[in-house]
Amino acid sequence: MKKILIAAFCCNPFKGSESAIGWNWSTGLVHHGFEVHTITRSIIRPSIEKHGPVEGLTMHYLQLPLGLERLYGFSQPTMYLYYMLWQWLAYRLAKKLNQSLGFYRTQHVSWGSLQFRLFLYRLDVPFIFGPAGGGQNAPGAFKEYFLEHWPVEERRNKVSRVLLKYNRHVSRCLNRHMRSCPLI
């Protein structure tokens, strides 16, 4: 049976949005005949254990050391710092898992964003990036719908443009994805 490694920062069988993406990709690939190993956050473990085991799915829980878990809830900038640290540790765990299990494919499914650095693509395994977002920009015509939040959206758009243009890891990640999935 072919083994797939998924990085799912959010993965919860009882929630929607990003959490549902992580869970549904993991279980969906199991239902298509793959042995799936999913790396996710340790804080989600009670919900996944409440759901019960899914045959063919192995969860690998990751927790930041030294009390760094607190970064997630402190502020938006520290939440993103937490996410980048989690990605690095997930990559290190993925390297170890790949050495012992030999994955057929790897896939990053949540939080899938073009702006943030990923590391999973660096494994010597075909890599799939997505579902992903982060490349969108709200047009000025939508300003009235954002109400008082429009200045925040404008800043987000500017930061996104800079990160997409100058973050070499984004282009490396996407190039690796395209080599792994030439028909996409």
Protein backbone atom coordinates (compact mmCIF):
# COMPACT_ATOMS: atom_id res chain seq x y z
CA MET A 1 0.00 0.00 0.00
CA LYS A 2 1.35 3.43 -0.93
CA LYS A 3 2.06 5.76 1.97
CA ILE A 4 1.23 9.47 1.91
CA LEU A 5 2.39 12.05 4.41
CA ILE A 6 0.12 15.02 5.05
CA ALA A 7 0.98 18.18 6.97
CA ALA A 8 -2.27 19.50 8.41
CA PHE A 9 -1.74 22.33 10.87
CA CYS A 10 -5.50 22.24 11.45
CA CYS A 11 -7.18 18.83 11.47
CA ASN A 12 -10.35 18.25 13.46
CA PRO A 13 -13.25 15.92 12.64
CA PHE A 14 -15.71 18.12 14.53
CA LYS A 15 -14.95 21.51 12.98
CA GLY A 16 -15.26 23.16 9.60
CA SER A 17 -13.03 25.37 7.48
CA GLU A 18 -9.28 24.66 7.72
CA SER A 19 -9.81 21.96 10.35
CA ALA A 20 -12.21 20.11 8.08
CA ILE A 21 -9.77 20.40 5.18
CA GLY A 22 -7.04 18.67 7.19
CA TRP A 23 -9.36 15.93 8.41
CA ASN A 24 -11.17 15.33 5.13
CA TRP A 25 -7.98 15.12 3.06
CA SER A 26 -6.50 12.67 5.54
CA THR A 27 -9.53 10.40 5.73
CA GLY A 28 -10.41 10.87 2.06
CA LEU A 29 -7.04 9.55 0.92
CA VAL A 30 -7.46 6.57 3.25
CA HIS A 31 -10.78 5.81 1.52
CA HIS A 32 -8.92 5.87 -1.81
CA GLY A 33 -6.63 3.08 -0.66
CA PHE A 34 -3.60 4.92 0.70
CA GLU A 35 -1.92 4.51 4.06
CA VAL A 36 -1.95 8.07 5.40
CA HIS A 37 0.28 9.60 8.03
CA THR A 38 -0.82 13.06 9.13
CA ILE A 39 1.25 15.49 11.15
CA THR A 40 -0.92 17.89 13.11
CA ARG A 41 -0.94 19.93 16.30
CA SER A 42 -0.97 18.14 19.64
CA ILE A 43 -3.76 20.37 20.95
CA ILE A 44 -6.15 18.68 18.50
CA ARG A 45 -5.43 15.18 19.83
CA PRO A 46 -8.44 14.97 22.23
CA SER A 47 -10.90 15.70 19.41
CA ILE A 48 -9.34 13.14 17.09
CA GLU A 49 -9.27 10.52 19.84
CA LYS A 50 -12.93 11.30 20.64
CA HIS A 51 -13.75 10.55 17.01
CA GLY A 52 -12.03 7.20 17.24
CA PRO A 53 -9.48 5.50 15.02
CA VAL A 54 -9.70 5.41 11.23
CA GLU A 55 -8.13 2.30 9.77
CA GLY A 56 -5.22 3.29 7.54
CA LEU A 57 -4.72 6.69 9.20
CA THR A 58 -1.90 7.34 11.64
CA MET A 59 -1.76 10.69 13.39
CA HIS A 60 1.54 12.23 14.47
CA TYR A 61 1.06 15.01 17.01
CA LEU A 62 3.49 17.88 17.26
CA GLN A 63 3.87 20.32 20.13
CA LEU A 64 6.28 23.24 20.29
CA PRO A 65 8.82 22.93 23.13
CA LEU A 66 9.66 25.30 25.98
CA GLY A 67 6.15 26.70 26.41
CA LEU A 68 6.14 28.15 22.89
CA GLU A 69 2.58 26.85 22.44
CA ARG A 70 1.50 30.11 24.10
CA LEU A 71 2.63 32.04 21.03
CA TYR A 72 -0.44 30.84 19.15
CA GLY A 73 -2.96 32.69 21.30
CA PHE A 74 -0.92 35.75 22.26
CA SER A 75 -1.29 37.94 19.14
CA GLN A 76 -1.61 37.65 15.38
CA PRO A 77 2.15 38.17 14.72
CA THR A 78 3.10 35.56 17.34
CA MET A 79 0.48 33.19 15.91
CA TYR A 80 2.29 33.36 12.56
CA LEU A 81 5.64 32.90 14.28
CA TYR A 82 4.17 29.82 15.99
CA TYR A 83 3.01 28.52 12.61
CA MET A 84 6.46 28.91 11.05
CA LEU A 85 8.12 27.16 14.00
CA TRP A 86 5.54 24.38 13.78
CA GLN A 87 6.27 24.00 10.05
CA TRP A 88 10.00 23.61 10.75
CA LEU A 89 9.39 20.96 13.42
CA ALA A 90 6.88 19.19 11.16
CA TYR A 91 9.54 19.03 8.45
CA ARG A 92 12.08 17.56 10.87
CA LEU A 93 9.55 14.94 11.97
CA ALA A 94 8.64 14.24 8.33
CA LYS A 95 12.31 13.57 7.52
CA LYS A 96 12.49 10.96 10.27
CA LEU A 97 9.20 9.38 9.26
CA ASN A 98 10.24 9.27 5.61
CA GLN A 99 13.48 7.47 6.51
CA SER A 100 11.56 4.70 8.25
CA LEU A 101 8.38 4.56 6.16
CA GLY A 102 9.34 5.76 2.67
CA PHE A 103 6.49 7.97 1.48
CA TYR A 104 5.03 7.84 -2.02
CA ARG A 105 3.88 11.47 -1.83
CA THR A 106 3.79 14.35 0.63
CA GLN A 107 1.10 17.00 0.76
CA HIS A 108 0.59 20.23 2.68
CA VAL A 109 -3.13 20.88 3.17
CA SER A 110 -3.68 23.43 5.94
CA TRP A 111 -2.99 26.34 6.56
CA GLY A 112 -2.19 26.44 2.89
CA SER A 113 -0.94 29.92 2.06
CA LEU A 114 1.51 31.22 -0.48
CA GLN A 115 2.86 33.82 1.94
CA PHE A 116 4.24 31.51 4.59
CA ARG A 117 7.32 29.44 4.39
CA LEU A 118 6.84 25.69 4.08
CA PHE A 119 9.53 23.09 4.45
CA LEU A 120 7.87 19.81 3.52
CA TYR A 121 8.71 20.32 -0.17
CA ARG A 122 12.39 19.84 0.73
CA LEU A 123 11.94 16.10 1.27
CA ASP A 124 13.13 13.92 -1.58
CA VAL A 125 9.54 12.84 -2.23
CA PRO A 126 7.02 14.16 -4.79
CA PHE A 127 5.24 17.10 -3.15
CA ILE A 128 1.70 18.44 -3.54
CA PHE A 129 0.92 21.92 -2.26
CA GLY A 130 -2.72 22.51 -1.63
CA PRO A 131 -5.42 23.24 -1.38
CA ALA A 132 -3.89 26.65 -0.92
CA GLY A 133 -4.81 30.29 -0.81
CA GLY A 134 -3.06 33.55 -0.18
CA GLY A 135 -2.66 34.80 -3.72
CA GLN A 136 -5.94 36.69 -3.77
CA ASN A 137 -6.27 40.45 -3.62
CA ALA A 138 -9.52 42.23 -2.87
CA PRO A 139 -10.23 44.79 -5.60
CA GLY A 140 -10.92 48.38 -4.64
CA ALA A 141 -14.52 47.95 -5.78
CA PHE A 142 -15.09 45.81 -2.67
CA LYS A 143 -13.96 48.55 -0.28
CA GLU A 144 -17.48 49.31 0.95
CA TYR A 145 -18.00 45.68 1.99
CA PHE A 146 -14.91 45.73 4.21
CA LEU A 147 -16.25 48.75 6.10
CA GLU A 148 -13.65 49.97 8.65
CA HIS A 149 -11.44 46.92 7.91
CA TRP A 150 -10.40 48.12 4.45
CA PRO A 151 -7.04 49.61 5.61
CA VAL A 152 -6.12 46.22 7.12
CA GLU A 153 -6.99 44.52 3.84
CA GLU A 154 -4.85 47.00 1.89
CA ARG A 155 -1.88 46.28 4.17
CA ARG A 156 -2.44 42.55 3.79
CA ASN A 157 -2.45 42.94 0.01
CA LYS A 158 0.83 44.89 0.08
CA VAL A 159 2.54 42.38 2.36
CA SER A 160 1.30 39.53 0.17
CA ARG A 161 2.71 41.11 -2.98
CA VAL A 162 6.11 41.60 -1.35
CA LEU A 163 6.21 38.06 0.05
CA LEU A 164 5.14 36.51 -3.25
CA LYS A 165 7.76 38.49 -5.15
CA TYR A 166 10.77 38.18 -2.84
CA ASN A 167 10.25 35.03 -0.77
CA ARG A 168 12.46 32.49 -2.59
CA HIS A 169 10.89 29.64 -0.63
CA VAL A 170 7.53 30.28 -2.28
CA SER A 171 8.98 29.84 -5.77
CA ARG A 172 10.98 26.77 -4.71
CA CYS A 173 7.90 25.22 -3.14
CA LEU A 174 5.76 25.89 -6.22
CA ASN A 175 8.47 24.64 -8.59
CA ARG A 176 8.70 21.40 -6.62
CA HIS A 177 4.91 21.10 -6.68
CA MET A 178 4.82 21.57 -10.45
CA ARG A 179 7.53 18.92 -10.99
CA SER A 180 5.53 16.53 -8.82
CA CYS A 181 2.21 17.28 -10.53
CA PRO A 182 2.99 18.12 -14.19
CA LEU A 183 -0.65 17.69 -15.31
CA ILE A 184 -1.95 20.39 -12.95
